Every structure is written in structure tokens, then in C-alpha cells.
N, C-alpha and C. Protein backbone atom coordinates (compact mmCIF):
# COMPACT_ATOMS: atom_id res chain seq x y z
N MET A 1 -21.02 193.39 -85.10
CA MET A 1 -21.46 194.64 -84.53
C MET A 1 -20.64 194.93 -83.29
N GLU A 2 -20.17 196.15 -83.15
CA GLU A 2 -19.44 196.56 -81.97
C GLU A 2 -20.25 197.63 -81.26
N MET A 3 -20.18 197.64 -79.95
CA MET A 3 -20.86 198.67 -79.19
C MET A 3 -20.09 198.91 -77.92
N ALA A 4 -19.98 200.17 -77.52
CA ALA A 4 -19.23 200.48 -76.31
C ALA A 4 -19.87 201.67 -75.63
N ALA A 5 -19.58 201.84 -74.35
CA ALA A 5 -20.10 202.97 -73.61
C ALA A 5 -19.06 203.44 -72.63
N CYS A 6 -19.02 204.74 -72.38
CA CYS A 6 -18.08 205.30 -71.42
C CYS A 6 -18.80 206.40 -70.66
N ILE A 7 -18.71 206.39 -69.35
CA ILE A 7 -19.44 207.37 -68.56
C ILE A 7 -18.75 208.72 -68.51
N CYS A 8 -17.51 208.83 -68.99
CA CYS A 8 -16.82 210.11 -68.89
C CYS A 8 -17.14 211.03 -70.06
N GLY A 9 -17.86 210.58 -71.07
CA GLY A 9 -18.25 211.44 -72.17
C GLY A 9 -17.21 211.53 -73.28
N HIS A 10 -16.13 210.77 -73.19
CA HIS A 10 -15.10 210.79 -74.23
C HIS A 10 -15.08 209.46 -74.94
N LYS A 11 -14.08 209.25 -75.79
CA LYS A 11 -14.01 207.99 -76.53
C LYS A 11 -14.00 206.81 -75.57
N PRO A 12 -14.68 205.74 -75.93
CA PRO A 12 -14.75 204.58 -75.04
C PRO A 12 -13.37 203.99 -74.77
N PRO A 13 -13.15 203.44 -73.56
CA PRO A 13 -11.87 202.85 -73.25
C PRO A 13 -11.68 201.48 -73.89
N TRP A 14 -12.73 200.90 -74.45
CA TRP A 14 -12.65 199.60 -75.07
C TRP A 14 -13.78 199.46 -76.05
N LEU A 15 -13.62 198.57 -76.96
CA LEU A 15 -14.70 198.21 -77.87
C LEU A 15 -14.93 196.72 -77.73
N PHE A 16 -16.12 196.31 -77.95
CA PHE A 16 -16.45 194.90 -77.83
C PHE A 16 -16.87 194.40 -79.19
N ASP A 17 -16.23 193.38 -79.67
CA ASP A 17 -16.55 192.80 -80.96
C ASP A 17 -17.32 191.51 -80.69
N ALA A 18 -18.54 191.43 -81.17
CA ALA A 18 -19.41 190.30 -80.88
C ALA A 18 -18.87 188.98 -81.43
N PHE A 19 -17.92 189.05 -82.35
CA PHE A 19 -17.42 187.83 -82.95
C PHE A 19 -16.00 187.49 -82.53
N SER A 20 -15.41 188.29 -81.65
CA SER A 20 -14.07 187.94 -81.14
C SER A 20 -14.00 188.22 -79.66
N HIS A 21 -13.11 189.09 -79.22
CA HIS A 21 -12.89 189.30 -77.80
C HIS A 21 -12.85 190.78 -77.48
N TRP A 22 -12.63 191.07 -76.19
CA TRP A 22 -12.48 192.46 -75.76
C TRP A 22 -11.31 193.09 -76.50
N LYS A 23 -11.45 194.34 -76.86
CA LYS A 23 -10.39 195.07 -77.53
C LYS A 23 -10.03 196.28 -76.68
N PRO A 24 -9.08 196.14 -75.76
CA PRO A 24 -8.72 197.30 -74.95
C PRO A 24 -8.12 198.39 -75.82
N GLN A 25 -8.46 199.63 -75.52
CA GLN A 25 -7.90 200.76 -76.25
C GLN A 25 -7.44 201.79 -75.24
N SER A 26 -6.50 202.63 -75.68
CA SER A 26 -6.00 203.65 -74.76
C SER A 26 -7.13 204.61 -74.42
N HIS A 27 -7.14 205.07 -73.19
CA HIS A 27 -8.20 205.96 -72.74
C HIS A 27 -7.62 206.89 -71.69
N SER A 28 -7.66 208.17 -71.96
CA SER A 28 -7.19 209.13 -70.97
C SER A 28 -8.39 209.86 -70.40
N HIS A 29 -8.44 209.98 -69.11
CA HIS A 29 -9.58 210.64 -68.47
C HIS A 29 -9.37 212.14 -68.51
N HIS A 30 -10.34 212.81 -69.07
CA HIS A 30 -10.35 214.26 -69.13
C HIS A 30 -11.44 214.74 -68.19
N LYS A 31 -11.65 216.01 -68.16
CA LYS A 31 -12.71 216.56 -67.33
C LYS A 31 -14.05 216.00 -67.79
N SER A 32 -14.78 215.38 -66.90
CA SER A 32 -16.04 214.74 -67.25
C SER A 32 -17.11 215.76 -67.54
N ARG A 33 -17.90 215.47 -68.57
CA ARG A 33 -19.05 216.31 -68.90
C ARG A 33 -20.30 215.81 -68.20
N GLY A 34 -20.19 214.72 -67.46
CA GLY A 34 -21.32 214.20 -66.71
C GLY A 34 -22.34 213.47 -67.54
N GLY A 35 -22.02 213.13 -68.77
CA GLY A 35 -22.98 212.44 -69.61
C GLY A 35 -22.56 211.02 -69.87
N VAL A 36 -23.33 210.34 -70.67
CA VAL A 36 -23.03 208.98 -71.06
C VAL A 36 -22.81 209.00 -72.56
N SER A 37 -21.73 208.40 -73.03
CA SER A 37 -21.53 208.33 -74.47
C SER A 37 -21.59 206.87 -74.89
N MET A 38 -22.14 206.63 -76.06
CA MET A 38 -22.24 205.28 -76.57
C MET A 38 -21.82 205.28 -78.03
N ALA A 39 -21.31 204.17 -78.47
CA ALA A 39 -20.91 204.01 -79.86
C ALA A 39 -21.31 202.62 -80.32
N PHE A 40 -21.65 202.51 -81.58
CA PHE A 40 -21.89 201.19 -82.12
C PHE A 40 -21.42 201.14 -83.56
N LYS A 41 -21.10 199.96 -84.01
CA LYS A 41 -20.61 199.76 -85.36
C LYS A 41 -21.26 198.52 -85.93
N ARG A 42 -21.84 198.65 -87.09
CA ARG A 42 -22.43 197.49 -87.75
C ARG A 42 -21.38 196.81 -88.62
N SER A 43 -21.60 195.56 -88.88
CA SER A 43 -20.66 194.82 -89.71
C SER A 43 -20.71 195.39 -91.13
N PRO A 44 -19.59 195.34 -91.88
CA PRO A 44 -19.56 195.87 -93.25
C PRO A 44 -20.61 195.23 -94.15
N LYS A 45 -20.94 193.95 -93.92
CA LYS A 45 -21.95 193.30 -94.75
C LYS A 45 -23.30 193.99 -94.59
N ARG A 46 -23.61 194.41 -93.37
CA ARG A 46 -24.91 195.04 -93.13
C ARG A 46 -24.95 196.49 -93.58
N LEU A 47 -23.79 197.15 -93.65
CA LEU A 47 -23.75 198.55 -94.04
C LEU A 47 -24.30 198.77 -95.44
N LYS A 48 -24.11 197.81 -96.35
CA LYS A 48 -24.58 198.03 -97.71
C LYS A 48 -26.11 198.01 -97.80
N TYR A 49 -26.78 197.52 -96.76
CA TYR A 49 -28.24 197.48 -96.76
C TYR A 49 -28.87 198.57 -95.90
N THR A 50 -28.06 199.48 -95.38
CA THR A 50 -28.59 200.51 -94.50
C THR A 50 -28.37 201.89 -95.11
N ASP A 51 -28.95 202.88 -94.47
CA ASP A 51 -28.77 204.27 -94.87
C ASP A 51 -27.41 204.73 -94.36
N ASN A 52 -26.44 204.86 -95.26
CA ASN A 52 -25.07 205.19 -94.87
C ASN A 52 -24.91 206.61 -94.36
N THR A 53 -25.91 207.47 -94.51
CA THR A 53 -25.77 208.84 -94.02
C THR A 53 -25.73 208.88 -92.50
N ARG A 54 -26.18 207.82 -91.83
CA ARG A 54 -26.15 207.79 -90.37
C ARG A 54 -24.76 207.54 -89.83
N PHE A 55 -23.87 206.99 -90.64
CA PHE A 55 -22.54 206.61 -90.18
C PHE A 55 -21.52 207.63 -90.66
N ASN A 56 -20.60 208.00 -89.76
CA ASN A 56 -19.55 208.92 -90.17
C ASN A 56 -18.40 208.14 -90.79
N LYS A 57 -17.36 208.85 -91.20
CA LYS A 57 -16.25 208.20 -91.90
C LYS A 57 -15.26 207.55 -90.95
N ASP A 58 -15.42 207.71 -89.67
CA ASP A 58 -14.49 207.16 -88.69
C ASP A 58 -14.82 205.70 -88.38
N GLY A 59 -14.70 204.85 -89.40
CA GLY A 59 -14.92 203.42 -89.19
C GLY A 59 -16.38 203.05 -88.95
N GLY A 60 -17.32 203.91 -89.28
CA GLY A 60 -18.72 203.61 -89.08
C GLY A 60 -19.21 203.76 -87.66
N LEU A 61 -18.44 204.40 -86.79
CA LEU A 61 -18.86 204.57 -85.40
C LEU A 61 -19.71 205.81 -85.22
N ILE A 62 -20.68 205.71 -84.36
CA ILE A 62 -21.49 206.86 -83.96
C ILE A 62 -21.34 207.02 -82.46
N TYR A 63 -21.00 208.22 -82.03
CA TYR A 63 -20.89 208.50 -80.60
C TYR A 63 -22.12 209.28 -80.18
N ILE A 64 -22.76 208.82 -79.12
CA ILE A 64 -23.98 209.46 -78.63
C ILE A 64 -23.75 209.87 -77.19
N GLU A 65 -23.93 211.15 -76.90
CA GLU A 65 -23.86 211.61 -75.52
C GLU A 65 -25.28 211.84 -75.03
N ALA A 66 -25.58 211.28 -73.88
CA ALA A 66 -26.93 211.39 -73.33
C ALA A 66 -26.87 211.83 -71.88
N ASP A 67 -27.82 212.64 -71.50
CA ASP A 67 -27.95 213.09 -70.13
C ASP A 67 -28.28 211.89 -69.25
N PRO A 68 -27.53 211.67 -68.16
CA PRO A 68 -27.81 210.50 -67.32
C PRO A 68 -29.19 210.54 -66.67
N PHE A 69 -29.84 211.70 -66.65
CA PHE A 69 -31.17 211.81 -66.05
C PHE A 69 -32.28 211.59 -67.08
N GLY A 70 -31.90 211.34 -68.35
CA GLY A 70 -32.89 210.95 -69.35
C GLY A 70 -33.55 212.06 -70.11
N SER A 71 -33.12 213.31 -69.97
CA SER A 71 -33.80 214.40 -70.67
C SER A 71 -33.64 214.31 -72.18
N ASP A 72 -32.60 213.68 -72.66
CA ASP A 72 -32.42 213.52 -74.10
C ASP A 72 -32.28 212.04 -74.47
N SER A 73 -33.09 211.21 -73.85
CA SER A 73 -33.02 209.77 -74.09
C SER A 73 -33.39 209.39 -75.52
N TRP A 74 -34.04 210.30 -76.24
CA TRP A 74 -34.38 210.04 -77.64
C TRP A 74 -33.12 209.78 -78.47
N LYS A 75 -31.98 210.27 -78.02
CA LYS A 75 -30.73 210.06 -78.76
C LYS A 75 -30.31 208.59 -78.75
N LEU A 76 -30.81 207.83 -77.81
CA LEU A 76 -30.43 206.42 -77.68
C LEU A 76 -31.31 205.49 -78.51
N GLU A 77 -32.28 206.03 -79.24
CA GLU A 77 -33.18 205.19 -80.03
C GLU A 77 -32.46 204.27 -81.00
N PRO A 78 -31.39 204.73 -81.70
CA PRO A 78 -30.67 203.79 -82.59
C PRO A 78 -30.06 202.61 -81.83
N VAL A 79 -29.57 202.85 -80.63
CA VAL A 79 -28.98 201.78 -79.82
C VAL A 79 -30.08 200.81 -79.38
N VAL A 80 -31.21 201.34 -78.95
CA VAL A 80 -32.33 200.50 -78.53
C VAL A 80 -32.81 199.64 -79.70
N ASN A 81 -32.90 200.24 -80.89
CA ASN A 81 -33.33 199.48 -82.06
C ASN A 81 -32.36 198.35 -82.39
N LEU A 82 -31.06 198.61 -82.27
CA LEU A 82 -30.08 197.55 -82.50
C LEU A 82 -30.22 196.42 -81.48
N LEU A 83 -30.43 196.78 -80.22
CA LEU A 83 -30.62 195.75 -79.20
C LEU A 83 -31.87 194.91 -79.48
N LYS A 84 -32.94 195.56 -79.93
CA LYS A 84 -34.17 194.83 -80.26
C LYS A 84 -33.98 193.89 -81.44
N GLN A 85 -33.00 194.23 -82.32
CA GLN A 85 -32.71 193.39 -83.49
C GLN A 85 -31.76 192.25 -83.16
N GLY A 86 -31.33 192.14 -81.90
CA GLY A 86 -30.47 191.03 -81.51
C GLY A 86 -29.03 191.40 -81.23
N ALA A 87 -28.72 192.68 -81.20
CA ALA A 87 -27.35 193.10 -80.92
C ALA A 87 -27.01 192.87 -79.45
N VAL A 88 -25.73 192.79 -79.17
CA VAL A 88 -25.22 192.67 -77.81
C VAL A 88 -24.30 193.86 -77.59
N GLY A 89 -24.43 194.53 -76.46
CA GLY A 89 -23.61 195.71 -76.21
C GLY A 89 -23.13 195.80 -74.79
N VAL A 90 -22.37 196.83 -74.52
CA VAL A 90 -21.83 197.09 -73.19
C VAL A 90 -22.43 198.40 -72.70
N ILE A 91 -23.01 198.36 -71.49
CA ILE A 91 -23.66 199.55 -70.94
C ILE A 91 -23.14 199.81 -69.53
N PRO A 92 -23.13 201.09 -69.12
CA PRO A 92 -22.76 201.37 -67.73
C PRO A 92 -23.95 201.12 -66.82
N THR A 93 -23.70 200.56 -65.66
CA THR A 93 -24.73 200.44 -64.62
C THR A 93 -24.26 201.27 -63.44
N ASP A 94 -25.00 201.27 -62.34
CA ASP A 94 -24.57 202.07 -61.19
C ASP A 94 -23.40 201.44 -60.45
N THR A 95 -23.02 200.21 -60.76
CA THR A 95 -21.86 199.60 -60.10
C THR A 95 -20.74 199.29 -61.08
N LEU A 96 -21.01 198.57 -62.15
CA LEU A 96 -20.01 198.14 -63.12
C LEU A 96 -20.58 198.29 -64.53
N TYR A 97 -19.76 197.98 -65.52
CA TYR A 97 -20.28 197.87 -66.88
C TYR A 97 -20.91 196.50 -67.03
N ALA A 98 -21.91 196.40 -67.88
CA ALA A 98 -22.60 195.13 -68.09
C ALA A 98 -22.70 194.85 -69.58
N ILE A 99 -22.58 193.58 -69.93
CA ILE A 99 -22.84 193.15 -71.31
C ILE A 99 -24.34 192.92 -71.38
N ALA A 100 -25.00 193.58 -72.31
CA ALA A 100 -26.46 193.58 -72.33
C ALA A 100 -27.01 193.11 -73.67
N CYS A 101 -28.20 192.54 -73.61
CA CYS A 101 -28.95 192.17 -74.81
C CYS A 101 -30.43 192.20 -74.46
N ASP A 102 -31.26 192.00 -75.47
CA ASP A 102 -32.71 191.97 -75.27
C ASP A 102 -33.10 190.64 -74.64
N LEU A 103 -33.71 190.70 -73.48
CA LEU A 103 -34.10 189.51 -72.72
C LEU A 103 -35.12 188.66 -73.47
N THR A 104 -35.87 189.26 -74.38
CA THR A 104 -36.92 188.53 -75.09
C THR A 104 -36.44 187.95 -76.42
N ASN A 105 -35.17 188.17 -76.78
CA ASN A 105 -34.64 187.72 -78.06
C ASN A 105 -33.69 186.54 -77.82
N ASN A 106 -34.13 185.33 -78.17
CA ASN A 106 -33.33 184.13 -77.92
C ASN A 106 -31.99 184.14 -78.64
N SER A 107 -31.95 184.65 -79.88
CA SER A 107 -30.67 184.68 -80.61
C SER A 107 -29.69 185.65 -79.94
N ALA A 108 -30.19 186.74 -79.38
CA ALA A 108 -29.33 187.68 -78.67
C ALA A 108 -28.78 187.05 -77.39
N ILE A 109 -29.62 186.28 -76.71
CA ILE A 109 -29.16 185.60 -75.49
C ILE A 109 -28.09 184.57 -75.83
N GLU A 110 -28.28 183.83 -76.92
CA GLU A 110 -27.26 182.86 -77.34
C GLU A 110 -25.97 183.56 -77.74
N ARG A 111 -26.08 184.70 -78.42
CA ARG A 111 -24.89 185.48 -78.79
C ARG A 111 -24.16 185.94 -77.53
N LEU A 112 -24.90 186.40 -76.53
CA LEU A 112 -24.29 186.84 -75.27
C LEU A 112 -23.58 185.67 -74.60
N ARG A 113 -24.18 184.49 -74.62
CA ARG A 113 -23.55 183.31 -74.02
C ARG A 113 -22.26 182.94 -74.76
N ARG A 114 -22.26 183.05 -76.10
CA ARG A 114 -21.04 182.76 -76.87
C ARG A 114 -19.95 183.78 -76.54
N ILE A 115 -20.32 185.05 -76.45
CA ILE A 115 -19.35 186.10 -76.15
C ILE A 115 -18.73 185.88 -74.78
N LYS A 116 -19.56 185.57 -73.79
CA LYS A 116 -19.07 185.36 -72.43
C LYS A 116 -18.50 183.96 -72.22
N ASN A 117 -18.67 183.10 -73.23
CA ASN A 117 -18.18 181.72 -73.19
C ASN A 117 -18.73 180.97 -71.97
N ILE A 118 -20.07 181.03 -71.84
CA ILE A 118 -20.72 180.32 -70.74
C ILE A 118 -21.74 179.33 -71.28
N ASP A 119 -21.92 178.26 -70.55
CA ASP A 119 -22.82 177.19 -70.92
C ASP A 119 -24.28 177.64 -70.81
N GLY A 120 -25.14 177.03 -71.61
CA GLY A 120 -26.55 177.36 -71.60
C GLY A 120 -27.27 177.03 -70.31
N SER A 121 -26.67 176.18 -69.49
CA SER A 121 -27.31 175.81 -68.22
C SER A 121 -27.01 176.81 -67.10
N LYS A 122 -26.03 177.68 -67.31
CA LYS A 122 -25.69 178.65 -66.26
C LYS A 122 -26.66 179.83 -66.31
N PRO A 123 -27.08 180.33 -65.15
CA PRO A 123 -28.02 181.45 -65.13
C PRO A 123 -27.35 182.76 -65.52
N LEU A 124 -28.15 183.70 -66.01
CA LEU A 124 -27.69 185.04 -66.36
C LEU A 124 -28.34 186.05 -65.42
N SER A 125 -27.69 187.17 -65.25
CA SER A 125 -28.27 188.26 -64.46
C SER A 125 -29.14 189.12 -65.37
N ILE A 126 -30.14 189.75 -64.78
CA ILE A 126 -30.95 190.71 -65.52
C ILE A 126 -31.00 192.02 -64.75
N LEU A 127 -31.17 193.11 -65.48
CA LEU A 127 -31.37 194.42 -64.86
C LEU A 127 -32.87 194.68 -64.84
N CYS A 128 -33.40 194.98 -63.68
CA CYS A 128 -34.84 195.25 -63.55
C CYS A 128 -35.06 196.74 -63.37
N HIS A 129 -36.03 197.26 -64.09
CA HIS A 129 -36.36 198.68 -64.02
C HIS A 129 -37.22 199.00 -62.81
N SER A 130 -38.05 198.05 -62.41
CA SER A 130 -39.00 198.33 -61.34
C SER A 130 -39.36 197.03 -60.61
N PHE A 131 -40.13 197.18 -59.55
CA PHE A 131 -40.59 196.00 -58.81
C PHE A 131 -41.51 195.14 -59.67
N SER A 132 -42.22 195.74 -60.62
CA SER A 132 -43.08 194.94 -61.49
C SER A 132 -42.24 194.02 -62.38
N ASP A 133 -41.04 194.47 -62.79
CA ASP A 133 -40.13 193.59 -63.53
C ASP A 133 -39.66 192.43 -62.66
N ILE A 134 -39.39 192.71 -61.40
CA ILE A 134 -38.98 191.64 -60.48
C ILE A 134 -40.10 190.61 -60.37
N ASP A 135 -41.35 191.07 -60.25
CA ASP A 135 -42.49 190.15 -60.19
C ASP A 135 -42.64 189.35 -61.48
N LYS A 136 -42.36 190.00 -62.62
CA LYS A 136 -42.55 189.35 -63.92
C LYS A 136 -41.54 188.23 -64.16
N TYR A 137 -40.28 188.44 -63.78
CA TYR A 137 -39.22 187.51 -64.14
C TYR A 137 -38.75 186.60 -63.01
N THR A 138 -39.19 186.85 -61.78
CA THR A 138 -38.74 186.02 -60.66
C THR A 138 -39.94 185.52 -59.87
N SER A 139 -39.66 184.66 -58.91
CA SER A 139 -40.74 184.17 -58.04
C SER A 139 -40.99 185.12 -56.88
N GLY A 140 -40.29 186.25 -56.85
CA GLY A 140 -40.52 187.26 -55.82
C GLY A 140 -39.65 187.07 -54.60
N PHE A 141 -39.86 187.93 -53.63
CA PHE A 141 -39.08 187.92 -52.39
C PHE A 141 -39.72 186.97 -51.38
N PRO A 142 -38.90 186.21 -50.67
CA PRO A 142 -39.45 185.39 -49.59
C PRO A 142 -40.04 186.29 -48.50
N CYS A 143 -41.19 185.93 -47.99
CA CYS A 143 -41.83 186.72 -46.94
C CYS A 143 -41.33 186.29 -45.56
N GLY A 144 -41.28 187.24 -44.67
CA GLY A 144 -40.93 186.91 -43.29
C GLY A 144 -42.07 186.15 -42.63
N ASP A 145 -41.73 185.33 -41.66
CA ASP A 145 -42.77 184.54 -41.00
C ASP A 145 -42.98 184.95 -39.54
N GLY A 146 -42.31 186.02 -39.12
CA GLY A 146 -42.45 186.47 -37.75
C GLY A 146 -41.69 185.62 -36.76
N GLN A 147 -41.03 184.59 -37.22
CA GLN A 147 -40.28 183.67 -36.36
C GLN A 147 -38.77 183.93 -36.48
N GLY A 148 -38.40 185.17 -36.73
CA GLY A 148 -36.98 185.50 -36.86
C GLY A 148 -36.51 185.60 -38.30
N HIS A 149 -37.36 185.26 -39.27
CA HIS A 149 -37.01 185.39 -40.67
C HIS A 149 -37.52 186.74 -41.17
N ALA A 150 -36.61 187.56 -41.66
CA ALA A 150 -36.95 188.93 -42.05
C ALA A 150 -37.77 188.96 -43.33
N ASN A 151 -38.56 190.02 -43.48
CA ASN A 151 -39.28 190.29 -44.70
C ASN A 151 -38.30 190.98 -45.65
N LEU A 152 -37.79 190.25 -46.64
CA LEU A 152 -36.76 190.78 -47.53
C LEU A 152 -37.28 191.93 -48.40
N PHE A 153 -38.57 191.93 -48.74
CA PHE A 153 -39.10 193.00 -49.57
C PHE A 153 -38.89 194.36 -48.91
N LYS A 154 -39.17 194.44 -47.61
CA LYS A 154 -38.98 195.72 -46.90
C LYS A 154 -37.52 196.13 -46.89
N ALA A 155 -36.62 195.19 -46.70
CA ALA A 155 -35.18 195.50 -46.69
C ALA A 155 -34.72 195.97 -48.06
N VAL A 156 -35.16 195.30 -49.12
CA VAL A 156 -34.76 195.68 -50.47
C VAL A 156 -35.36 197.03 -50.85
N LYS A 157 -36.61 197.25 -50.50
CA LYS A 157 -37.27 198.52 -50.82
C LYS A 157 -36.53 199.68 -50.15
N HIS A 158 -35.99 199.43 -48.96
CA HIS A 158 -35.23 200.46 -48.24
C HIS A 158 -33.91 200.77 -48.96
N CYS A 159 -33.29 199.78 -49.59
CA CYS A 159 -31.99 199.95 -50.25
C CYS A 159 -32.09 200.51 -51.67
N LEU A 160 -33.24 200.40 -52.29
CA LEU A 160 -33.38 200.84 -53.68
C LEU A 160 -33.94 202.24 -53.78
N PRO A 161 -33.61 203.03 -54.80
CA PRO A 161 -32.64 202.68 -55.83
C PRO A 161 -31.22 202.77 -55.28
N GLY A 162 -30.37 201.95 -55.82
CA GLY A 162 -28.98 201.94 -55.40
C GLY A 162 -28.23 200.77 -55.99
N PRO A 163 -26.93 200.73 -55.76
CA PRO A 163 -26.09 199.67 -56.33
C PRO A 163 -26.23 198.37 -55.55
N VAL A 164 -27.32 197.66 -55.80
CA VAL A 164 -27.63 196.44 -55.06
C VAL A 164 -27.82 195.30 -56.04
N SER A 165 -27.27 194.15 -55.74
CA SER A 165 -27.51 192.93 -56.51
C SER A 165 -28.32 191.99 -55.64
N ILE A 166 -29.40 191.46 -56.20
CA ILE A 166 -30.29 190.57 -55.46
C ILE A 166 -30.42 189.28 -56.27
N LEU A 167 -30.23 188.15 -55.62
CA LEU A 167 -30.39 186.85 -56.28
C LEU A 167 -31.74 186.27 -55.89
N LEU A 168 -32.58 186.04 -56.90
CA LEU A 168 -33.90 185.47 -56.68
C LEU A 168 -34.11 184.31 -57.64
N LYS A 169 -35.06 183.43 -57.31
CA LYS A 169 -35.38 182.31 -58.19
C LYS A 169 -36.17 182.82 -59.39
N VAL A 170 -35.89 182.22 -60.55
CA VAL A 170 -36.53 182.61 -61.80
C VAL A 170 -37.89 181.96 -61.90
N ASN A 171 -38.84 182.67 -62.54
CA ASN A 171 -40.14 182.08 -62.85
C ASN A 171 -40.00 181.03 -63.91
């Protein structure tokens, strides 16, 4: 399965093949439409078991443009379904592109580790949607003690939303 995303709304600058390596492709920047485009490709073995009307003739790729503010997020449902089935993809974040998978799917996490060529003992980063996600997956922010140690929650709350990376201990 291949999946790619480009924030300029045109063809992706690269494709990622879950069974090999990065595939850089030529990419010329045109006038941005301000949207997010995504593409994914299923393996030929899986295509014979799916509804082929969803795939165009251009190598089985589907390009999806979505409003970055979420007004047409329904267009991303096929991508979400693939991620829930264990796919690994590339998504834009507010700072860099990220290789993403379903956090609750162990086979997807192992696939991501194989793709990135990292050992199972090394930690992975997660994207959190809200403070409740931070509470769910981490031990939380250390509290200030009034003795010169700052309350990190207040500092982080002041910086969010924004391009911030925070390292916390996992639950």
C-alpha cells in the first residue's frame, strides 16, 4: 500500500511504499489552493477483492483534496478506513510530514517500525488531538512545587495550539 500527502494541493512530491523505501518524485510548486491532497494505492493482490470503481486508471491512485479547516473531512473517510485496517501513511503536520499509523493496531505499529528501520525498544512519537489524549497515553505534566520548578501544564497550555513537541513519560 502506498500513501502520500502534499499540502500544496498538487501531485505529491513523493510516494511511500510500505514494503521498500522512499520514492522521490519530481514536484513543481504551483499556486497553492490552500488544501490538503492525499493519495493511496492498494497492492494489486488486494485490488481483486475490492470495488474497483473507486480506483482510477492512473495506477490505482486516488487524490483527495480536503479543506484544512475540516469542512469536507468526509472525503478522508477512505484514508481513515485504510489506517484502521493497518495501513501506514504519510501526513502533513503543522511542522513536518509524519509517518502515521493507528496507535491501537499492533501490526500497523510493527509495519511502521520496519519501514523506519527502528528497534522495538525505541519509543515512538504520537500526535495528540487534545489534553485528554495526553492524559490517556502519558503520565501527564510534572507539576510545579513553588520552589522554582515551573508548572509545565500552564506553559504548554499557553503554547498550544501550535508547532510544539513535548516529551512525556508513557503510561
